[in-house]
Amino acid sequence: MTAIDRTEAVQESETREKKTLGEIVSNNLRELISEKGLTQAALADQLKVAAATMTDYCKGRRVPGAEFFVQLKEKFGISIDDFLTKTLDRASLSAPAELSALDRSMLKTYRKYCGSYFMYYFDTSKYKGRDDLPARDSLKYGVLFVYETAGREMPEYRCAALMGIPDRDEVTFLKKSLDSVKEPSKLIARLRDEFGPKAYFGSFELSEDHVFVSLYHGSTDKALAIFHRVDNNKSNYIGGIGTINSASKGRERMPVIQFIGISRYPLSMSEEEIQHTLLLNYPKFKAKAEADEMIRNFRTIFSDPGSSDQISDYQKAVMVRSTMEMYIQQNLERNLFRYCKISERDDDDWYHAIKRTSVVDTP
């Protein structure tokens, strides 16, 4: 073999290797874009390369330089060796290779919660005890978004919400429209630009037992919603009932805590059914002791000839009414306004209500 032949063979070999490397990198870039819910242009922006250059990388026309892969590792925690030598699938790219089994398990759990949800809660602009609105007018609606963003070492999870939507059909339309925006950065931009007064942004965290949703509306309002953390074999969390602490809207802004329900799917329940479920069947009034005492009083008022003749019918009615009001007021003060508490049974009832009444078949 002549020197020229050897040179051509080496060049042909290098071309083959470069082509193979380009195919591997282009495949892995396309899978990464798909797994992260990005576009080529968005990834190019994050990695500070031209959109046309990223297109060449994704089509295997060019192989990126070392700096590109260093940024890729810093941004997404991806192993450079694996990215250059292996054809990776979405599962391989969903978490950094160096993560522990515990971290991978947590990422899997977090991802069960990603997506959008309907929010159901009450109008809190009225003074407590003075809300006589029917269910249709007392309910408020919203949309909650939980999404994944790239972190330095592992993904991070954040949330955004539209709150204070008065109409059920409107919130259904808004959720459908916003669900079409697949890239989180574009969704956040749209919420800020189009829905400023109703838009909230914040963090999403899991503890061993609970889900914490922290939402902020500038310096005006901050809301903390807490739900039970549900560990099951389902691929997605479909919703739950929890508490939310925030500032009420209306003429006066008052601290308030109430029950709130979220559902990944629209519910076919009536407003009255949703209200009843969110109230957790309150108020409950058990009055055995009070009833026994009232019976004794009734006997005195209506059966004792001596006292009955001295008291007019109007006075008797006032005595009965005031005694009953006192007992009910005492029971409400002892039980109803002390705290909002969500039991696992309450959460399970809401879950089955979603399964039973959701418009879309749930998994």
Protein backbone atom coordinates (compact mmCIF):
# COMPACT_ATOMS: atom_id res chain seq x y z
CA MET A 1 0.00 0.00 0.00
CA THR A 2 1.40 3.36 -1.01
CA ALA A 3 1.62 6.37 1.30
CA ILE A 4 -1.25 7.96 -0.61
CA ASP A 5 -3.40 4.86 -0.15
CA ARG A 6 -2.64 4.79 3.58
CA THR A 7 -3.58 8.47 3.91
CA GLU A 8 -6.86 7.93 2.07
CA ALA A 9 -7.65 4.91 4.28
CA VAL A 10 -7.01 6.92 7.44
CA GLN A 11 -9.16 9.77 6.15
CA GLU A 12 -11.95 7.34 5.24
CA SER A 13 -11.75 5.77 8.70
CA GLU A 14 -11.84 9.17 10.39
CA THR A 15 -14.81 10.17 8.25
CA ARG A 16 -16.64 6.95 9.24
CA GLU A 17 -15.91 7.56 12.93
CA LYS A 18 -16.96 11.18 12.67
CA LYS A 19 -20.17 10.15 10.94
CA THR A 20 -20.88 7.59 13.61
CA LEU A 21 -20.16 10.13 16.36
CA GLY A 22 -22.38 12.67 14.63
CA GLU A 23 -25.23 10.16 14.46
CA ILE A 24 -24.90 9.33 18.16
CA VAL A 25 -24.80 12.98 19.21
CA SER A 26 -27.68 13.98 16.94
CA ASN A 27 -29.84 11.14 18.28
CA ASN A 28 -29.05 12.04 21.87
CA LEU A 29 -29.74 15.73 21.30
CA ARG A 30 -33.13 14.96 19.75
CA GLU A 31 -33.99 12.66 22.66
CA LEU A 32 -32.88 15.30 25.16
CA ILE A 33 -35.03 17.94 23.48
CA SER A 34 -38.03 15.61 23.55
CA GLU A 35 -37.50 14.51 27.16
CA LYS A 36 -37.15 18.07 28.46
CA GLY A 37 -40.10 19.38 26.45
CA LEU A 38 -37.91 21.91 24.64
CA THR A 39 -37.43 23.07 21.06
CA GLN A 40 -34.14 23.16 19.16
CA ALA A 41 -34.19 26.96 19.40
CA ALA A 42 -34.78 26.86 23.16
CA LEU A 43 -31.93 24.42 23.72
CA ALA A 44 -29.67 26.53 21.50
CA ASP A 45 -30.52 29.57 23.60
CA GLN A 46 -29.77 27.74 26.86
CA LEU A 47 -26.42 26.46 25.57
CA LYS A 48 -25.54 29.76 23.87
CA VAL A 49 -25.17 28.54 20.29
CA ALA A 50 -26.87 29.76 17.13
CA ALA A 51 -30.17 28.14 16.21
CA ALA A 52 -28.76 27.13 12.80
CA THR A 53 -25.78 25.51 14.51
CA MET A 54 -28.08 23.50 16.78
CA THR A 55 -30.01 22.36 13.70
CA ASP A 56 -26.76 21.07 12.18
CA TYR A 57 -25.93 19.24 15.43
CA CYS A 58 -29.41 17.66 15.60
CA LYS A 59 -29.20 16.51 11.98
CA GLY A 60 -25.71 15.09 12.38
CA ARG A 61 -24.13 17.51 9.91
CA ARG A 62 -21.64 18.78 12.49
CA VAL A 63 -20.18 17.48 15.74
CA PRO A 64 -20.10 19.98 18.63
CA GLY A 65 -16.87 21.00 20.29
CA ALA A 66 -15.76 20.28 23.85
CA GLU A 67 -17.18 23.53 25.24
CA PHE A 68 -20.65 22.57 24.08
CA PHE A 69 -20.54 19.27 25.98
CA VAL A 70 -19.21 20.93 29.12
CA GLN A 71 -22.20 23.31 29.08
CA LEU A 72 -24.50 20.36 28.42
CA LYS A 73 -23.18 18.61 31.53
CA GLU A 74 -23.43 21.74 33.69
CA LYS A 75 -26.96 22.48 32.52
CA PHE A 76 -28.46 19.00 32.59
CA GLY A 77 -26.04 16.89 34.65
CA ILE A 78 -25.44 14.54 31.72
CA SER A 79 -22.42 12.23 31.47
CA ILE A 80 -20.28 13.43 28.54
CA ASP A 81 -18.82 9.94 28.03
CA ASP A 82 -22.28 8.39 27.72
CA PHE A 83 -23.52 11.19 25.47
CA LEU A 84 -20.62 10.65 23.04
CA THR A 85 -20.48 6.86 23.05
CA LYS A 86 -23.99 5.51 23.63
CA THR A 87 -27.31 5.89 21.89
CA LEU A 88 -29.44 7.11 24.80
CA ASP A 89 -33.20 6.94 25.22
CA ARG A 90 -35.44 9.33 27.17
CA ALA A 91 -35.23 7.23 30.33
CA SER A 92 -31.44 7.46 30.25
CA LEU A 93 -31.62 11.23 29.85
CA SER A 94 -34.32 11.79 32.47
CA ALA A 95 -31.85 11.94 35.35
CA PRO A 96 -28.11 12.45 35.65
CA ALA A 97 -26.19 9.18 35.54
CA GLU A 98 -24.43 9.87 38.82
CA LEU A 99 -27.66 10.19 40.83
CA SER A 100 -28.21 7.66 43.57
CA ALA A 101 -31.09 5.19 43.51
CA LEU A 102 -32.85 7.30 46.16
CA ASP A 103 -32.53 10.45 44.04
CA ARG A 104 -33.85 8.62 41.00
CA SER A 105 -36.81 7.37 43.02
CA MET A 106 -37.57 10.91 44.18
CA LEU A 107 -37.41 12.22 40.60
CA LYS A 108 -39.87 9.55 39.54
CA THR A 109 -42.21 10.58 42.35
CA TYR A 110 -41.91 14.29 41.52
CA ARG A 111 -42.74 13.60 37.88
CA LYS A 112 -46.03 11.99 38.90
CA TYR A 113 -47.17 15.46 39.92
CA CYS A 114 -46.04 17.37 36.81
CA GLY A 115 -48.84 18.71 34.65
CA SER A 116 -51.84 20.98 35.07
CA TYR A 117 -54.80 20.83 37.44
CA PHE A 118 -58.16 22.48 37.97
CA MET A 119 -58.41 24.29 41.32
CA TYR A 120 -61.65 24.53 43.32
CA TYR A 121 -61.98 26.79 46.38
CA PHE A 122 -64.24 29.43 47.96
CA ASP A 123 -64.65 33.17 47.48
CA THR A 124 -63.20 34.65 50.69
CA SER A 125 -64.19 38.29 50.17
CA LYS A 126 -67.15 38.02 52.58
CA TYR A 127 -66.85 38.37 56.34
CA LYS A 128 -66.92 34.98 58.02
CA GLY A 129 -70.36 33.80 58.98
CA ARG A 130 -72.00 36.25 56.55
CA ASP A 131 -71.63 34.43 53.26
CA ASP A 132 -75.11 33.59 52.01
CA LEU A 133 -74.13 33.17 48.35
CA PRO A 134 -75.33 30.06 46.51
CA ALA A 135 -72.71 27.52 45.50
CA ARG A 136 -72.51 28.82 41.93
CA ASP A 137 -71.42 32.25 43.22
CA SER A 138 -69.39 31.20 46.26
CA LEU A 139 -66.99 28.92 44.36
CA LYS A 140 -63.82 30.19 42.69
CA TYR A 141 -61.70 28.36 40.13
CA GLY A 142 -58.09 28.31 39.01
CA VAL A 143 -55.46 26.38 37.09
CA LEU A 144 -52.30 25.02 38.73
CA PHE A 145 -49.21 24.09 36.70
CA VAL A 146 -46.38 21.93 38.10
CA TYR A 147 -43.33 21.71 35.87
CA GLU A 148 -39.71 20.56 35.77
CA THR A 149 -36.78 22.84 35.08
CA ALA A 150 -33.10 22.05 34.67
CA GLY A 151 -30.94 22.41 37.78
CA ARG A 152 -27.18 22.40 38.15
CA GLU A 153 -27.05 18.88 39.60
CA MET A 154 -30.58 17.55 39.22
CA PRO A 155 -33.97 18.82 37.98
CA GLU A 156 -35.92 21.32 40.03
CA TYR A 157 -39.69 21.61 40.31
CA ARG A 158 -41.72 24.77 40.30
CA CYS A 159 -45.33 25.81 39.89
CA ALA A 160 -47.51 28.58 38.55
CA ALA A 161 -51.22 29.27 38.84
CA LEU A 162 -54.11 31.36 37.66
CA MET A 163 -56.48 32.08 40.55
CA GLY A 164 -59.71 33.94 41.12
CA ILE A 165 -61.53 32.80 37.98
CA PRO A 166 -65.28 33.10 38.67
CA ASP A 167 -66.69 31.06 35.79
CA ARG A 168 -66.39 27.29 35.39
CA ASP A 169 -66.58 27.33 31.59
CA GLU A 170 -63.91 30.03 31.47
CA VAL A 171 -61.43 28.02 33.53
CA THR A 172 -62.03 24.96 31.35
CA PHE A 173 -61.27 27.00 28.22
CA LEU A 174 -58.17 28.60 29.79
CA LYS A 175 -56.73 25.27 30.92
CA LYS A 176 -57.19 23.74 27.48
CA SER A 177 -55.56 26.76 25.84
CA LEU A 178 -52.61 26.86 28.23
CA ASP A 179 -52.06 23.09 28.06
CA SER A 180 -51.13 23.59 24.42
CA VAL A 181 -48.03 25.55 25.53
CA LYS A 182 -45.53 22.74 26.08
CA GLU A 183 -42.40 24.71 27.00
CA PRO A 184 -42.45 25.98 30.62
CA SER A 185 -40.60 29.23 29.85
CA LYS A 186 -43.19 30.17 27.21
CA LEU A 187 -46.04 29.25 29.56
CA ILE A 188 -44.64 31.45 32.34
CA ALA A 189 -44.13 34.34 29.90
CA ARG A 190 -47.72 34.03 28.69
CA LEU A 191 -49.10 33.94 32.23
CA ARG A 192 -47.17 37.10 33.10
CA ASP A 193 -48.08 38.95 29.90
CA GLU A 194 -51.76 38.01 29.61
CA PHE A 195 -52.95 37.27 33.14
CA GLY A 196 -50.82 39.49 35.40
CA PRO A 197 -53.43 40.24 38.14
CA LYS A 198 -54.43 36.57 38.41
CA ALA A 199 -51.00 34.96 37.92
CA TYR A 200 -49.07 33.36 40.78
CA PHE A 201 -45.60 31.77 40.66
CA GLY A 202 -43.71 29.68 43.16
CA SER A 203 -42.14 26.44 44.28
CA PHE A 204 -43.27 22.83 44.47
CA GLU A 205 -41.78 20.51 47.09
CA LEU A 206 -42.36 17.04 48.48
CA SER A 207 -41.71 15.88 52.02
CA GLU A 208 -42.05 12.32 53.21
CA ASP A 209 -45.78 12.76 53.80
CA HIS A 210 -46.93 15.98 52.15
CA VAL A 211 -46.97 18.15 49.05
CA PHE A 212 -46.15 21.85 49.55
CA VAL A 213 -47.26 24.36 46.91
CA SER A 214 -45.95 27.88 47.59
CA LEU A 215 -47.41 30.59 45.36
CA TYR A 216 -46.50 34.27 45.18
CA HIS A 217 -48.23 37.23 43.55
CA GLY A 218 -45.49 39.84 43.73
CA SER A 219 -45.50 41.43 47.17
CA THR A 220 -49.30 41.47 47.30
CA ASP A 221 -50.14 37.91 48.26
CA LYS A 222 -48.46 34.67 49.20
CA ALA A 223 -50.30 31.37 49.43
CA LEU A 224 -49.26 28.03 50.86
CA ALA A 225 -51.28 24.96 49.90
CA ILE A 226 -50.57 21.59 51.56
CA PHE A 227 -51.77 18.24 50.26
CA HIS A 228 -51.15 14.65 51.25
CA ARG A 229 -48.29 13.04 49.35
CA VAL A 230 -49.72 9.98 47.65
CA ASP A 231 -47.39 7.09 46.91
CA ASN A 232 -48.97 4.54 44.60
CA ASN A 233 -48.28 2.58 41.46
CA LYS A 234 -50.15 5.00 39.19
CA SER A 235 -48.12 6.86 36.59
CA ASN A 236 -49.72 10.21 37.49
CA TYR A 237 -51.18 11.95 40.53
CA ILE A 238 -54.74 12.91 39.57
CA GLY A 239 -55.61 15.25 42.41
CA GLY A 240 -56.37 15.70 46.09
CA ILE A 241 -57.88 17.95 48.71
CA GLY A 242 -55.81 20.16 50.97
CA THR A 243 -55.67 23.47 52.83
CA ILE A 244 -54.52 26.83 51.52
CA ASN A 245 -53.48 29.85 53.58
CA SER A 246 -53.55 33.21 51.80
CA ALA A 247 -54.92 36.75 51.93
CA SER A 248 -58.57 37.14 51.01
CA LYS A 249 -59.64 39.39 48.15
CA GLY A 250 -62.30 42.07 48.43
CA ARG A 251 -62.75 45.44 50.13
CA GLU A 252 -60.50 44.31 52.98
CA ARG A 253 -57.59 41.88 52.63
CA MET A 254 -57.81 39.40 55.48
CA PRO A 255 -55.67 36.34 56.35
CA VAL A 256 -57.66 33.22 55.59
CA ILE A 257 -57.25 29.46 55.53
CA GLN A 258 -59.67 27.17 53.73
CA PHE A 259 -60.03 23.84 52.00
CA ILE A 260 -59.00 23.56 48.35
CA GLY A 261 -59.37 20.72 45.84
CA ILE A 262 -57.33 20.07 42.71
CA SER A 263 -58.05 17.68 39.86
CA ARG A 264 -56.08 16.86 36.74
CA TYR A 265 -59.40 16.38 34.92
CA PRO A 266 -62.60 18.46 34.75
CA LEU A 267 -65.34 17.25 37.07
CA SER A 268 -68.93 16.67 36.09
CA MET A 269 -70.13 17.35 39.65
CA SER A 270 -72.53 20.24 40.16
CA GLU A 271 -71.41 23.35 42.02
CA GLU A 272 -73.48 22.21 44.99
CA GLU A 273 -71.70 18.83 45.05
CA ILE A 274 -68.27 20.46 44.83
CA GLN A 275 -69.18 22.88 47.63
CA HIS A 276 -70.46 20.05 49.81
CA THR A 277 -67.29 18.03 49.21
CA LEU A 278 -64.98 20.98 49.94
CA LEU A 279 -66.81 21.66 53.18
CA LEU A 280 -66.00 18.07 54.20
CA ASN A 281 -69.68 17.71 55.11
CA TYR A 282 -69.52 20.51 57.70
CA PRO A 283 -71.29 21.66 59.75
CA LYS A 284 -71.79 18.55 61.88
CA PHE A 285 -73.77 19.00 65.05
CA LYS A 286 -74.13 16.30 67.69
CA ALA A 287 -76.37 17.57 70.44
CA LYS A 288 -77.36 14.70 72.74
CA ALA A 289 -76.44 16.49 75.97
CA GLU A 290 -77.99 19.75 74.78
CA ALA A 291 -81.15 17.97 73.60
CA ASP A 292 -81.55 16.24 76.96
CA GLU A 293 -81.28 19.58 78.74
CA MET A 294 -83.77 21.21 76.37
CA ILE A 295 -86.26 18.40 76.98
CA ARG A 296 -86.03 19.04 80.69
CA ASN A 297 -86.59 22.75 80.08
CA PHE A 298 -89.56 22.03 77.80
CA ARG A 299 -91.14 19.91 80.50
CA THR A 300 -90.71 22.76 82.95
CA ILE A 301 -92.08 25.37 80.57
CA PHE A 302 -94.97 23.45 79.05
CA SER A 303 -95.85 20.77 81.61
CA ASP A 304 -95.48 22.43 84.99
CA PRO A 305 -98.90 23.99 85.66
CA GLY A 306 -97.47 26.54 88.07
CA SER A 307 -94.81 28.00 85.81
CA SER A 308 -96.71 27.50 82.57
CA ASP A 309 -99.56 29.80 83.62
CA GLN A 310 -97.14 32.59 84.52
CA ILE A 311 -95.29 32.61 81.15
CA SER A 312 -96.88 33.83 77.93
CA ASP A 313 -96.63 31.90 74.67
CA TYR A 314 -94.34 34.61 73.27
CA GLN A 315 -92.00 34.31 76.26
CA LYS A 316 -91.96 30.53 75.88
CA ALA A 317 -91.01 30.84 72.19
CA VAL A 318 -88.22 33.32 73.03
CA MET A 319 -86.85 30.98 75.72
CA VAL A 320 -86.83 27.99 73.37
CA ARG A 321 -85.25 29.96 70.51
CA SER A 322 -82.55 31.59 72.63
CA THR A 323 -81.66 28.29 74.31
CA MET A 324 -81.34 26.54 70.93
CA GLU A 325 -79.23 29.39 69.49
CA MET A 326 -76.94 29.26 72.51
CA TYR A 327 -76.33 25.53 72.16
CA ILE A 328 -75.66 25.72 68.42
CA GLN A 329 -73.37 28.74 68.85
CA GLN A 330 -71.38 26.95 71.56
CA ASN A 331 -70.96 23.88 69.38
CA LEU A 332 -69.83 25.93 66.37
CA GLU A 333 -67.31 27.87 68.45
CA ARG A 334 -65.90 24.65 69.90
CA ASN A 335 -65.58 22.83 66.58
CA LEU A 336 -66.18 24.61 63.30
CA PHE A 337 -63.88 27.64 63.29
CA ARG A 338 -60.96 26.23 65.26
CA TYR A 339 -59.01 24.61 62.43
CA CYS A 340 -59.14 23.08 58.98
CA LYS A 341 -57.78 19.57 58.97
CA ILE A 342 -57.53 17.11 56.06
CA SER A 343 -57.53 13.45 56.98
CA GLU A 344 -56.37 10.71 54.65
CA ARG A 345 -59.99 9.60 54.50
CA ASP A 346 -61.02 13.08 53.25
CA ASP A 347 -58.29 12.96 50.61
CA ASP A 348 -59.35 9.48 49.57
CA ASP A 349 -62.98 10.61 49.24
CA TRP A 350 -61.89 13.45 46.93
CA TYR A 351 -59.76 11.03 44.88
CA HIS A 352 -62.72 8.73 44.35
CA ALA A 353 -64.94 11.71 43.50
CA ILE A 354 -62.47 12.58 40.73
CA LYS A 355 -62.47 8.97 39.52
CA ARG A 356 -66.25 8.85 39.61
CA THR A 357 -67.09 12.22 38.06
CA SER A 358 -64.16 13.27 35.87
CA VAL A 359 -65.10 14.06 32.30
CA VAL A 360 -61.94 12.32 30.98
CA ASP A 361 -61.30 8.70 31.86
CA THR A 362 -58.63 8.54 34.57
CA PRO A 363 -55.81 5.97 34.59
